[in-house]
Structures are given as structure tokens and as C-alpha cells.
Amino acid sequence: MEMPYRYKITESLLKRIREKLKDIAKKPEILNDLTFILPPDYDSMNAIHEMFTRSSLMGMEAVLKSCQNVKNNFADIPLLPEIPVSTLPFEEAVSFLRTQIPLTRKEYYDLDNKLRLRSFTVGRLNDVDAINQMKEIFQRNMEQGGSLGGFLKITDDEILNGIGFGKGNGAYWETVYRTNQTTIYNAGRAMAFEETPPIALEFIGIIDSRQTDICHALSNPPFIRPYGDPVWRDGNHFPPLHFGCRSTVRGIYDQSEIDDAGGPDKFYSKKDRDLKPQKGFGSHPLDRESFWRLTPAMIKRAKDYGIDGEIAAAAIKLGMPAYAHKIVKGGFETLYPIKGTPLAQLPSGGYVRRAKDAKPGIRNEWDIRGNLIQTDEIGLAKKAADEGHRVFFMPKTFISKSPDVIIDGHTAEIKHVFKVGKRTIERRIEESREQFATLVLLEVSPAYTHEEITRQVSNRLRNSEHLQTVLVSWGNKFLRYTK
């Protein structure tokens, strides 16, 4: 299943790395620039999303087949119909499963968003890992007396081998992508088990020369325990158990299988196996949502690479602003209230915080034609904080049209309106639509009347799909409008 996607992803990497190599050849000192990374390629991200979504649906289908006594030999399951998963509607997913999907429509689209976030994260971390690998190869080449011209002639195979995607050296693919596929496949199985509980679960490992001691301990003899046994939810036995793990679990639905083996006392494993999965593996995928959440190590890498803002912006666009805040919450400074302010003077729970590389505006400036070229976002945020609102300025991001700020857990935009017009406020609010904002913090000219502000804001709220709240700073007053 993975080969078409592997081709798309590697082709995307090759193309972008080639462009970056030209930049390095012209200006070698940029090798020391930590912000010198590959630009995102959304076609590649969609390919990763398709691959992960298919893995999830395949896991569900395998369970649904087994609970209906359809023979399943754990071979590769046929691909989805020829329709891009990036546009796969709920009805098509149901059709693919050939039975009722063990998810409601809402649950399906929630899952889809989580898999999109996982795909974006894996893709962007992969992009930075790849260019860093090429930097190391470039530096070694120069240290060994190589030339810039010679390095530019590096072959595609040499590039792919260098970043762990080569045909004979797919270490990175094996470690990252196959592990993610296994995790998501088993998460799909776990979701289907929740909907159609089996009598028991059996750990299924592939017993060959590649099998690790970790998985062999549960495969020979097979580890079988009742479905409700705490070992599956609270223990460390649920696959994957390590990077590159190929194991899964089988649901047992036929009581005769247990009876034919001599009953429960002989059928079930007597005790837990003594094994230690690799760090971060073995937990039930639904309890900790490990199939889509970033691990602490992933968040640290994203921060080190300076792409945590991109990942947070992607989470916001997918309707997860609270999780976006969690991704970037480390490494911020509090701008307001100022440290040391007496408690009696603090606003009621309000604050203004800034991610370490966020650059909000600090003053209003106009050009000679009267056009606003810079806005005082900090000043307006402080006014909101005085009213008890929590304002967090996001890190920088390469994603265009992404939100700049989180306010009270909302995806938010800060806007200023100093020209008075019959639709000027409406147009400024409308601009926030492309950022998927659910809240707009707006400063308007004192020349507006309260009635005119209310009319324009209410019109926009009524006709906006995503927008829920508009906060308006108007002279010395602060107005709040909700849908």
C-alpha cells in the first residue's frame, strides 16, 4: 500500500532539497542558520494523510471482517476506491468498509482532523530532518576536500540514501513512516473493538528473522487474554511496541475457539509476559490518544527546529486551538501584567503572553497616504487583558493565512479600524475568515457610534460560519458581541 505514497514523498523531498542545495552553493554560511529549512509541500502532506487514513480504515475493516466471521489471513487489505482520501466523505468511508463504520459522522471527521495534524507533524519534522542530514553530508564533503560544484552533482540515489529513504537504505522510512502506519492501523482496530467488543484479544507477531525479542516474547507462545483484561488498557502490551514494529492484535469472537482449546484455563495466558517496550510504546492508543498526539520528544524537536508555530497553526485550522496552545506553551514570556505587579492591581485572570519568536506590533503607524502600515497589537491585547481575557501571541510560521493569536482558547485575529465607513468594520472582520478565526479583537475609531458598531458587527456575526465572538475596543469602552 505504501509504495505510491513513498514515491510521492521522496519526489517532493528530492525537488525541494535540490533547490536548497543551490542556495547552499551560493551562500555556504547559511549551513549554520537553524532557520534554513525546507518549505512545506502540501501535496506531500496530503499523500501522508491519505496513507495514514487508509491505515486507520484498514484496521477498522479487519476487525469488522473478523467479528462477522469473514476469513482474514492478515495479508494486505485491498486499497480504497480510486478517490483521494483528502476529500473522502463519510459516505465513501462507509462504502469502503462495506458495513456500518464504527464511528458517527462527527467522530469520523474528528478522527480525520487528528490524522491530518499527525500527517502535518510527521511531514514537517521529516522535512527538517532531511535538510539537516544534507547539511551534514555537505559539511563532511567540504572537510574532505570536496568542491561545491561536485556536491551539486550528487545523484538522487545518494540524496535518498543520505536522508534514509534509499531503496537499499530506508532506515528513516522504516523508523518513522512504517511505525506511524502501524500505530494508526492498530488505533483503527482499537476503535472497531470498542464498537464491537470481542471475547478476547490475541497478540499477533510476525515470527521471522526480523522479529525483535520484545515482540517474540508475546508471539511464542501466543499471548491471549480476555478483552476486558487490564493488561490491554493499563499494561504495556498493545502494539506497536517499538520503532518498526509489525505486530497487531486479533479479536476473538467465536466462543467455540476457546472451548475447542480446552476452556478458558487452558486457552488464556496464565500471566503477563515480562517485557519492556521501547519508551513511548505499548500503551493503548485510545486511552492516551498516542496515535495522533505529539510526544514530548516530538514537541521538543519542533521547538528546536522552530516549526512549533507551524504545527500549532495547523492544529488551529483543524479546530484544535487548545491543543495548539499546549504545543507552544513552553518558552513564552508574560508581557502583561508586568512581573512584580501587586496582586490587587492584576486584571481578573487576564494576561498577555508571547511565544519567544512571536513579533506582535507595538504601535500604530500610517504612511503618507494615511494607510495603516503597523498596528499596536500589544496595546490592544493589554486592554483585553484588563477585561479578563487571556491573550497568547503565536510563534512565527511559514503557513500563509494562519492565525496570529489565541484568545481565551479561541483561534483569533487582531484588527484595527480607524476609517469610518458603512461596511469598513464588516470588511475588517471578514478578513479573519481565511485564518479560520472564531474570535476577532477589534479596535475602532471613537468617531463611530455605538449603534453603527453594533449594526456592522451583528451583520458579520450573523453571516459568518466560524466566527463566534467579536471584542471591540471603542474609546474607553470595551464591547463584547457573541453569536
Protein backbone atom coordinates (compact mmCIF):
# COMPACT_ATOMS: atom_id res chain seq x y z
CA MET A 1 0.00 0.00 0.00
CA GLU A 2 2.75 2.41 0.95
CA MET A 3 4.75 2.43 -2.29
CA PRO A 4 2.75 5.08 -4.22
CA TYR A 5 2.98 7.39 -1.22
CA ARG A 6 6.65 6.70 -0.66
CA TYR A 7 7.27 7.73 -4.25
CA LYS A 8 5.29 11.00 -3.86
CA ILE A 9 7.02 11.90 -0.60
CA THR A 10 10.55 11.13 -1.83
CA GLU A 11 9.97 13.02 -5.09
CA SER A 12 8.84 16.04 -3.09
CA LEU A 13 11.90 15.84 -0.86
CA LEU A 14 14.27 15.50 -3.82
CA LYS A 15 12.81 18.52 -5.57
CA ARG A 16 12.99 20.78 -2.51
CA ILE A 17 16.43 19.56 -1.45
CA ARG A 18 17.78 20.25 -4.95
CA GLU A 19 16.57 23.84 -4.68
CA LYS A 20 18.14 24.25 -1.26
CA LEU A 21 21.47 22.82 -2.46
CA LYS A 22 21.67 25.64 -4.98
CA ASP A 23 21.19 28.14 -2.15
CA ILE A 24 23.92 26.45 -0.10
CA ALA A 25 26.33 26.51 -3.04
CA LYS A 26 25.79 30.25 -3.46
CA LYS A 27 26.00 31.02 0.25
CA PRO A 28 27.66 28.21 2.30
CA GLU A 29 27.40 30.20 5.56
CA ILE A 30 23.66 29.52 5.68
CA LEU A 31 24.55 26.00 6.79
CA ASN A 32 24.84 27.50 10.28
CA ASP A 33 21.40 29.10 10.07
CA LEU A 34 18.97 26.97 12.10
CA THR A 35 16.00 28.60 10.34
CA PHE A 36 17.25 27.37 6.94
CA ILE A 37 14.71 24.59 6.40
CA LEU A 38 12.65 23.16 3.57
CA PRO A 39 9.40 24.98 2.75
CA PRO A 40 6.25 22.91 3.32
CA ASP A 41 4.81 20.97 0.39
CA TYR A 42 1.09 20.43 0.87
CA ASP A 43 0.83 17.80 -1.88
CA SER A 44 3.31 15.74 0.10
CA MET A 45 1.32 16.35 3.29
CA ASN A 46 -1.84 15.14 1.54
CA ALA A 47 -0.04 11.98 0.47
CA ILE A 48 0.94 11.30 4.08
CA HIS A 49 -2.64 11.99 5.18
CA GLU A 50 -4.01 9.56 2.59
CA MET A 51 -1.60 6.87 3.74
CA PHE A 52 -2.48 7.32 7.40
CA THR A 53 -6.23 7.46 6.73
CA ARG A 54 -6.11 4.26 4.72
CA SER A 55 -4.16 2.61 7.53
CA SER A 56 -6.85 3.60 10.03
CA LEU A 57 -9.75 2.39 7.86
CA MET A 58 -7.92 -0.86 7.10
CA GLY A 59 -7.58 -1.50 10.82
CA MET A 60 -11.31 -0.97 11.28
CA GLU A 61 -12.21 -3.16 8.33
CA ALA A 62 -10.04 -6.04 9.53
CA VAL A 63 -11.93 -6.09 12.84
CA LEU A 64 -15.33 -5.83 11.20
CA LYS A 65 -14.45 -8.76 8.96
CA SER A 66 -13.34 -10.92 11.85
CA CYS A 67 -16.41 -10.19 14.01
CA GLN A 68 -18.59 -11.22 11.06
CA ASN A 69 -16.58 -14.44 10.66
CA VAL A 70 -15.08 -13.33 7.36
CA LYS A 71 -11.78 -15.12 6.85
CA ASN A 72 -8.83 -12.81 7.35
CA ASN A 73 -5.26 -14.02 6.98
CA PHE A 74 -3.69 -10.67 7.90
CA ALA A 75 -2.46 -10.16 4.37
CA ASP A 76 -2.51 -6.69 2.82
CA ILE A 77 -6.08 -5.46 2.54
CA PRO A 78 -7.16 -4.06 -0.86
CA LEU A 79 -6.79 -0.32 -1.35
CA LEU A 80 -9.64 2.10 -1.13
CA PRO A 81 -11.58 3.02 -4.25
CA GLU A 82 -9.74 5.44 -6.52
CA ILE A 83 -10.76 8.60 -4.74
CA PRO A 84 -8.40 10.97 -2.93
CA VAL A 85 -8.68 10.39 0.81
CA SER A 86 -8.10 14.10 1.33
CA THR A 87 -11.64 14.59 0.01
CA LEU A 88 -13.07 11.28 1.25
CA PRO A 89 -16.56 11.95 2.66
CA PHE A 90 -18.14 9.91 5.41
CA GLU A 91 -20.37 8.03 2.96
CA GLU A 92 -17.37 6.84 0.94
CA ALA A 93 -15.68 5.58 4.10
CA VAL A 94 -18.81 3.59 4.96
CA SER A 95 -18.85 2.18 1.42
CA PHE A 96 -15.23 1.13 1.70
CA LEU A 97 -15.84 -0.71 4.95
CA ARG A 98 -18.80 -2.48 3.31
CA THR A 99 -20.70 -2.31 6.60
CA GLN A 100 -21.61 0.30 9.15
CA ILE A 101 -18.49 2.22 10.11
CA PRO A 102 -17.85 2.07 13.89
CA LEU A 103 -17.88 5.86 14.04
CA THR A 104 -20.55 8.51 13.79
CA ARG A 105 -20.20 11.19 11.13
CA LYS A 106 -18.88 13.66 13.72
CA GLU A 107 -16.43 11.11 15.14
CA TYR A 108 -15.20 10.32 11.63
CA TYR A 109 -14.41 13.94 10.81
CA ASP A 110 -12.85 14.47 14.24
CA LEU A 111 -10.60 11.49 13.52
CA ASP A 112 -9.84 12.87 10.06
CA ASN A 113 -8.66 16.17 11.58
CA LYS A 114 -6.47 14.37 14.10
CA LEU A 115 -4.88 12.31 11.34
CA ARG A 116 -4.31 15.48 9.31
CA LEU A 117 -2.48 17.01 12.26
CA ARG A 118 -0.40 13.85 12.71
CA SER A 119 0.39 13.88 9.00
CA PHE A 120 1.43 17.53 9.03
CA THR A 121 3.63 16.97 12.08
CA VAL A 122 5.35 13.90 10.68
CA GLY A 123 5.84 15.61 7.31
CA ARG A 124 7.34 18.81 8.72
CA LEU A 125 9.65 17.01 11.15
CA ASN A 126 10.70 14.82 8.22
CA ASP A 127 11.42 17.92 6.10
CA VAL A 128 13.74 19.39 8.71
CA ASP A 129 15.43 16.07 9.46
CA ALA A 130 16.08 15.63 5.73
CA ILE A 131 17.69 19.04 5.17
CA ASN A 132 19.77 18.64 8.34
CA GLN A 133 21.06 15.31 7.03
CA MET A 134 22.03 17.03 3.80
CA LYS A 135 23.82 19.78 5.72
CA GLU A 136 25.92 17.13 7.48
CA ILE A 137 26.73 15.41 4.19
CA PHE A 138 27.67 18.77 2.65
CA GLN A 139 29.94 19.66 5.56
CA ARG A 140 31.68 16.27 5.50
CA ASN A 141 32.18 16.65 1.76
CA MET A 142 33.85 20.05 2.22
CA GLU A 143 36.01 18.85 5.12
CA GLN A 144 37.29 16.03 2.89
CA GLY A 145 38.34 18.46 0.18
CA GLY A 146 35.24 18.26 -1.99
CA SER A 147 34.09 21.14 -4.17
CA LEU A 148 30.79 22.97 -4.35
CA GLY A 149 30.40 22.01 -7.98
CA GLY A 150 30.99 18.37 -7.22
CA PHE A 151 28.46 18.36 -4.43
CA LEU A 152 25.80 19.81 -6.71
CA LYS A 153 26.25 16.75 -8.94
CA ILE A 154 25.22 14.38 -6.15
CA THR A 155 22.82 11.77 -7.55
CA ASP A 156 19.22 11.25 -6.50
CA ASP A 157 20.14 7.87 -5.02
CA GLU A 158 22.91 9.45 -2.95
CA ILE A 159 20.47 12.05 -1.64
CA LEU A 160 17.85 9.45 -0.76
CA ASN A 161 20.41 7.19 0.92
CA GLY A 162 21.73 10.18 2.84
CA ILE A 163 18.30 11.04 4.29
CA GLY A 164 17.30 7.42 4.95
CA PHE A 165 14.85 6.93 2.06
CA GLY A 166 17.01 4.94 -0.35
CA LYS A 167 15.94 1.61 -1.77
CA GLY A 168 18.76 -0.18 0.00
CA ASN A 169 18.78 2.13 3.00
CA GLY A 170 15.28 3.05 4.03
CA ALA A 171 16.12 3.50 7.70
CA TYR A 172 14.21 6.75 8.16
CA TRP A 173 11.16 5.48 6.29
CA GLU A 174 11.19 2.29 8.31
CA THR A 175 11.59 4.10 11.63
CA VAL A 176 9.10 6.92 11.11
CA TYR A 177 6.51 6.15 8.45
CA ARG A 178 6.01 2.43 8.99
CA THR A 179 5.87 2.93 12.74
CA ASN A 180 3.20 5.60 12.27
CA GLN A 181 1.25 3.35 9.91
CA THR A 182 1.32 0.50 12.42
CA THR A 183 0.27 2.81 15.25
CA ILE A 184 -2.65 4.23 13.28
CA TYR A 185 -3.66 0.81 11.90
CA ASN A 186 -3.82 -0.59 15.43
CA ALA A 187 -5.70 2.53 16.61
CA GLY A 188 -8.29 1.80 13.92
CA ARG A 189 -8.57 -1.76 15.21
CA ALA A 190 -8.96 -0.48 18.78
CA MET A 191 -11.80 1.84 17.68
CA ALA A 192 -13.60 -1.03 16.00
CA PHE A 193 -13.09 -3.25 19.06
CA GLU A 194 -14.77 -0.53 21.16
CA GLU A 195 -17.80 -0.67 18.86
CA THR A 196 -17.89 -4.47 18.51
CA PRO A 197 -16.18 -5.91 21.63
CA PRO A 198 -14.61 -9.36 21.15
CA ILE A 199 -14.37 -12.07 23.79
CA ALA A 200 -10.58 -11.89 23.87
CA LEU A 201 -7.54 -10.41 22.17
CA GLU A 202 -4.51 -12.28 20.86
CA PHE A 203 -1.17 -10.62 20.22
CA ILE A 204 -0.10 -11.37 16.64
CA GLY A 205 3.58 -11.02 15.82
CA ILE A 206 5.41 -11.92 12.63
CA ILE A 207 7.85 -14.66 13.66
CA ASP A 208 10.83 -14.34 11.35
CA SER A 209 14.46 -13.22 11.44
CA ARG A 210 13.40 -9.58 11.72
CA GLN A 211 11.22 -10.03 14.80
CA THR A 212 12.55 -8.36 17.95
CA ASP A 213 12.84 -10.08 21.32
CA ILE A 214 10.14 -7.70 22.59
CA CYS A 215 7.50 -8.98 20.15
CA HIS A 216 8.77 -12.58 20.22
CA ALA A 217 8.02 -12.70 23.95
CA LEU A 218 4.31 -12.19 23.16
CA SER A 219 4.21 -14.25 19.97
CA ASN A 220 5.71 -17.59 21.01
CA PRO A 221 3.57 -18.93 22.56
CA PRO A 222 0.76 -16.53 21.59
CA PHE A 223 -0.29 -14.10 24.33
CA ILE A 224 -4.11 -14.28 24.73
CA ARG A 225 -6.19 -12.55 27.40
CA PRO A 226 -9.87 -11.55 27.76
CA TYR A 227 -10.78 -8.30 26.04
CA GLY A 228 -11.57 -6.54 29.33
CA ASP A 229 -8.33 -7.61 30.98
CA PRO A 230 -6.46 -4.57 32.37
CA VAL A 231 -3.28 -5.70 30.63
CA TRP A 232 -4.60 -4.27 27.34
CA ARG A 233 -5.70 -0.87 28.71
CA ASP A 234 -3.39 -0.33 31.66
CA GLY A 235 -0.42 -2.51 30.79
CA ASN A 236 2.24 -2.16 28.10
CA HIS A 237 1.21 -4.98 25.76
CA PHE A 238 -0.68 -3.14 23.00
CA PRO A 239 1.32 -2.85 19.74
CA PRO A 240 3.34 -1.22 18.37
CA LEU A 241 5.96 -1.97 20.99
CA HIS A 242 8.95 -0.37 19.29
CA PHE A 243 10.06 1.55 16.20
CA GLY A 244 9.42 -0.51 13.06
CA CYS A 245 7.04 -2.83 14.92
CA ARG A 246 4.88 -5.00 12.62
CA SER A 247 2.72 -6.63 15.30
CA THR A 248 -1.01 -6.26 15.83
CA VAL A 249 -3.81 -7.81 17.91
CA ARG A 250 -6.58 -10.16 16.81
CA GLY A 251 -10.11 -10.08 18.18
CA ILE A 252 -11.57 -13.48 19.08
CA TYR A 253 -15.34 -13.57 18.63
CA ASP A 254 -16.09 -17.30 18.45
CA GLN A 255 -16.61 -19.00 21.83
CA SER A 256 -16.00 -22.40 20.22
CA GLU A 257 -12.37 -21.41 19.61
CA ILE A 258 -11.94 -21.16 23.38
CA ASP A 259 -13.94 -24.32 24.09
CA ASP A 260 -12.03 -26.37 21.49
CA ALA A 261 -8.75 -25.37 23.16
CA GLY A 262 -9.91 -26.87 26.46
CA GLY A 263 -11.69 -23.89 28.01
CA PRO A 264 -10.52 -20.58 29.47
CA ASP A 265 -7.98 -22.11 31.87
CA LYS A 266 -6.02 -23.64 29.01
CA PHE A 267 -6.80 -21.03 26.36
CA TYR A 268 -5.70 -17.87 28.13
CA SER A 269 -2.14 -16.97 29.02
CA LYS A 270 -1.56 -17.50 32.73
CA LYS A 271 0.33 -14.27 33.47
CA ASP A 272 1.72 -11.13 31.92
CA ARG A 273 4.90 -11.55 29.94
CA ASP A 274 7.99 -9.84 31.28
CA LEU A 275 8.81 -7.32 28.58
CA LYS A 276 9.83 -3.68 28.28
CA PRO A 277 8.62 -1.90 25.13
CA GLN A 278 10.68 0.99 23.84
CA LYS A 279 9.99 4.28 25.58
CA GLY A 280 6.67 5.76 24.41
CA PHE A 281 5.30 2.45 23.08
CA GLY A 282 2.92 -0.24 24.34
CA SER A 283 0.09 1.93 25.71
CA HIS A 284 -3.48 1.61 24.46
CA PRO A 285 -3.83 4.06 21.53
CA LEU A 286 -7.25 5.37 22.58
CA ASP A 287 -6.52 5.95 26.25
CA ARG A 288 -3.64 8.36 25.64
CA GLU A 289 -4.51 9.13 22.01
CA SER A 290 -0.92 8.27 21.15
CA PHE A 291 -1.90 7.63 17.55
CA TRP A 292 -2.16 11.36 16.84
CA ARG A 293 -0.80 13.45 19.74
CA LEU A 294 2.75 14.73 19.61
CA THR A 295 5.05 13.05 22.08
CA PRO A 296 7.14 15.32 24.35
CA ALA A 297 10.16 14.41 22.23
CA MET A 298 8.36 15.49 19.06
CA ILE A 299 7.32 18.80 20.62
CA LYS A 300 10.91 19.44 21.71
CA ARG A 301 12.22 18.71 18.21
CA ALA A 302 9.60 21.03 16.73
CA LYS A 303 10.66 23.81 19.11
CA ASP A 304 14.35 23.21 18.39
CA TYR A 305 13.66 23.37 14.65
CA GLY A 306 11.44 26.44 15.04
CA ILE A 307 8.39 24.81 13.43
CA ASP A 308 6.21 24.52 16.55
CA GLY A 309 4.31 27.60 15.34
CA GLU A 310 3.54 25.86 12.04
CA ILE A 311 2.25 22.76 13.81
CA ALA A 312 0.18 24.87 16.22
CA ALA A 313 -1.25 26.84 13.29
CA ALA A 314 -2.20 23.57 11.59
CA ALA A 315 -3.91 22.41 14.81
CA ILE A 316 -5.88 25.66 14.95
CA LYS A 317 -7.04 25.31 11.34
CA LEU A 318 -8.20 21.80 12.20
CA GLY A 319 -10.31 23.07 15.09
CA MET A 320 -7.95 22.28 17.99
CA PRO A 321 -6.91 25.67 19.42
CA ALA A 322 -6.50 24.37 22.98
CA TYR A 323 -4.09 21.69 21.75
CA ALA A 324 -2.26 24.30 19.67
CA HIS A 325 -1.67 26.30 22.84
CA LYS A 326 -0.29 23.17 24.52
CA ILE A 327 2.22 22.68 21.71
CA VAL A 328 3.69 26.17 22.02
CA LYS A 329 3.16 26.89 25.73
CA GLY A 330 6.79 26.31 26.64
CA GLY A 331 9.28 29.10 26.04
CA PHE A 332 6.94 32.10 26.35
CA GLU A 333 7.19 35.36 28.23
CA THR A 334 4.46 37.26 30.03
CA LEU A 335 4.19 40.80 28.67
CA TYR A 336 1.32 41.86 30.91
CA PRO A 337 0.81 42.16 33.81
CA ILE A 338 4.40 43.18 34.45
CA LYS A 339 6.27 40.92 36.85
CA GLY A 340 6.05 42.28 40.38
CA THR A 341 2.68 43.99 39.92
CA PRO A 342 0.76 43.92 43.23
CA LEU A 343 -1.95 41.25 43.19
CA ALA A 344 -4.65 43.87 43.86
CA GLN A 345 -3.78 45.55 40.56
CA LEU A 346 -3.87 42.40 38.42
CA PRO A 347 -6.72 42.11 35.92
CA SER A 348 -9.24 39.37 36.65
CA GLY A 349 -7.41 36.39 35.20
CA GLY A 350 -6.32 38.28 32.11
CA TYR A 351 -2.83 38.26 30.67
CA VAL A 352 -0.79 38.89 27.54
CA ARG A 353 1.83 36.26 26.69
CA ARG A 354 4.13 35.93 23.72
CA ALA A 355 5.89 32.89 22.26
CA LYS A 356 9.62 33.53 22.20
CA ASP A 357 9.75 34.27 18.46
CA ALA A 358 6.33 35.95 18.06
CA LYS A 359 6.54 39.52 16.81
CA PRO A 360 3.30 41.39 17.57
CA GLY A 361 3.03 45.07 16.64
CA ILE A 362 3.81 47.62 19.32
CA ARG A 363 2.49 50.89 17.84
CA ASN A 364 0.12 52.30 15.23
CA GLU A 365 1.81 53.85 12.19
CA TRP A 366 0.45 55.30 8.95
CA ASP A 367 2.12 56.05 5.63
CA ILE A 368 1.90 59.47 3.95
CA ARG A 369 -1.37 58.46 2.27
CA GLY A 370 -3.00 57.64 5.57
CA ASN A 371 -2.82 53.84 5.19
CA LEU A 372 -2.21 51.86 8.38
CA ILE A 373 1.13 50.07 7.94
CA GLN A 374 1.72 48.85 11.51
CA THR A 375 -0.69 48.25 14.37
CA ASP A 376 -0.39 48.34 18.13
CA GLU A 377 -1.38 44.74 18.83
CA ILE A 378 0.27 44.70 22.25
CA GLY A 379 -1.62 47.79 23.38
CA LEU A 380 -4.94 46.36 22.26
CA ALA A 381 -4.13 42.99 23.85
CA LYS A 382 -3.46 44.75 27.18
CA LYS A 383 -6.90 46.39 27.01
CA ALA A 384 -8.43 42.93 26.50
CA ALA A 385 -6.40 41.54 29.40
CA ASP A 386 -7.74 44.30 31.65
CA GLU A 387 -11.20 42.93 30.84
CA GLY A 388 -10.09 39.46 31.95
CA HIS A 389 -9.20 37.96 28.56
CA ARG A 390 -6.21 35.63 28.08
CA VAL A 391 -4.13 36.59 25.04
CA PHE A 392 -1.31 34.45 23.64
CA PHE A 393 0.71 35.54 20.58
CA MET A 394 1.70 32.58 18.43
CA PRO A 395 5.19 31.73 17.17
CA LYS A 396 6.12 32.60 13.61
CA THR A 397 5.03 30.21 10.90
CA PHE A 398 5.64 29.55 7.23
CA ILE A 399 1.94 28.82 6.78
CA SER A 400 0.22 31.63 4.98
CA LYS A 401 -3.09 32.95 6.29
CA SER A 402 -2.58 31.39 9.71
CA PRO A 403 -3.90 32.93 12.95
CA ASP A 404 -1.57 35.18 14.94
CA VAL A 405 -3.04 34.77 18.38
CA ILE A 406 -5.11 32.61 20.72
CA ILE A 407 -7.60 34.47 22.93
CA ASP A 408 -9.49 32.57 25.64
CA GLY A 409 -8.76 29.34 23.78
CA HIS A 410 -10.16 30.71 20.51
CA THR A 411 -8.41 30.99 17.18
CA ALA A 412 -8.25 34.77 16.98
CA GLU A 413 -7.27 37.74 14.85
CA ILE A 414 -6.49 41.31 15.93
CA LYS A 415 -7.78 44.06 13.65
CA HIS A 416 -7.84 47.87 13.71
CA VAL A 417 -10.38 50.18 12.06
CA PHE A 418 -9.66 53.92 12.00
CA LYS A 419 -11.53 54.88 8.82
CA VAL A 420 -15.25 55.40 9.25
CA GLY A 421 -17.43 53.71 6.65
CA LYS A 422 -20.75 51.89 6.25
CA ARG A 423 -19.03 48.47 5.81
CA THR A 424 -15.45 49.15 6.98
CA ILE A 425 -15.85 47.20 10.23
CA GLU A 426 -17.57 44.35 8.42
CA ARG A 427 -14.76 44.09 5.86
CA ARG A 428 -12.08 44.00 8.55
CA ILE A 429 -13.90 41.24 10.38
CA GLU A 430 -14.44 39.36 7.11
CA GLU A 431 -10.66 39.26 6.58
CA SER A 432 -10.38 36.91 9.55
CA ARG A 433 -12.31 34.19 7.71
CA GLU A 434 -9.24 32.92 5.86
CA GLN A 435 -7.47 32.46 9.21
CA PHE A 436 -10.35 30.28 10.48
CA ALA A 437 -10.76 32.72 13.39
CA THR A 438 -13.58 32.12 15.86
CA LEU A 439 -12.84 35.36 17.71
CA VAL A 440 -11.85 38.84 16.49
CA LEU A 441 -10.34 41.50 18.74
CA LEU A 442 -11.10 44.83 17.10
CA GLU A 443 -10.09 48.44 17.77
CA VAL A 444 -12.37 51.01 16.15
CA SER A 445 -12.29 54.78 15.86
CA PRO A 446 -14.10 56.75 18.60
CA ALA A 447 -15.87 58.52 15.72
CA TYR A 448 -18.17 55.50 15.31
CA THR A 449 -21.46 55.46 17.17
CA HIS A 450 -22.39 52.53 19.37
CA GLU A 451 -25.36 51.81 17.08
CA GLU A 452 -23.18 51.69 13.97
CA ILE A 453 -20.63 49.37 15.58
CA THR A 454 -23.43 47.05 16.73
CA ARG A 455 -25.05 47.02 13.28
CA GLN A 456 -21.87 46.11 11.39
CA VAL A 457 -20.60 43.55 13.92
CA SER A 458 -24.02 41.87 14.16
CA ASN A 459 -24.24 41.62 10.35
CA ARG A 460 -20.87 39.90 10.21
CA LEU A 461 -21.60 37.53 13.09
CA ARG A 462 -24.93 36.54 11.56
CA ASN A 463 -23.36 35.75 8.17
CA SER A 464 -20.14 34.08 9.35
CA GLU A 465 -19.82 30.31 9.54
CA HIS A 466 -16.91 30.11 12.02
CA LEU A 467 -16.93 33.40 13.90
CA GLN A 468 -18.42 33.22 17.41
CA THR A 469 -17.23 36.31 19.29
CA VAL A 470 -16.15 39.88 18.49
CA LEU A 471 -14.44 42.02 21.14
CA VAL A 472 -14.39 45.75 20.37
CA SER A 473 -12.20 48.41 21.95
CA TRP A 474 -14.04 51.71 21.40
CA GLY A 475 -12.50 54.71 23.08
CA ASN A 476 -12.50 53.97 26.79
CA LYS A 477 -15.18 51.29 26.44
CA PHE A 478 -14.88 47.58 25.72
CA LEU A 479 -17.78 45.86 23.92
CA ARG A 480 -18.47 42.16 23.57
CA TYR A 481 -20.66 40.59 20.88
CA THR A 482 -21.45 36.85 20.58
CA LYS A 483 -23.37 34.85 18.02
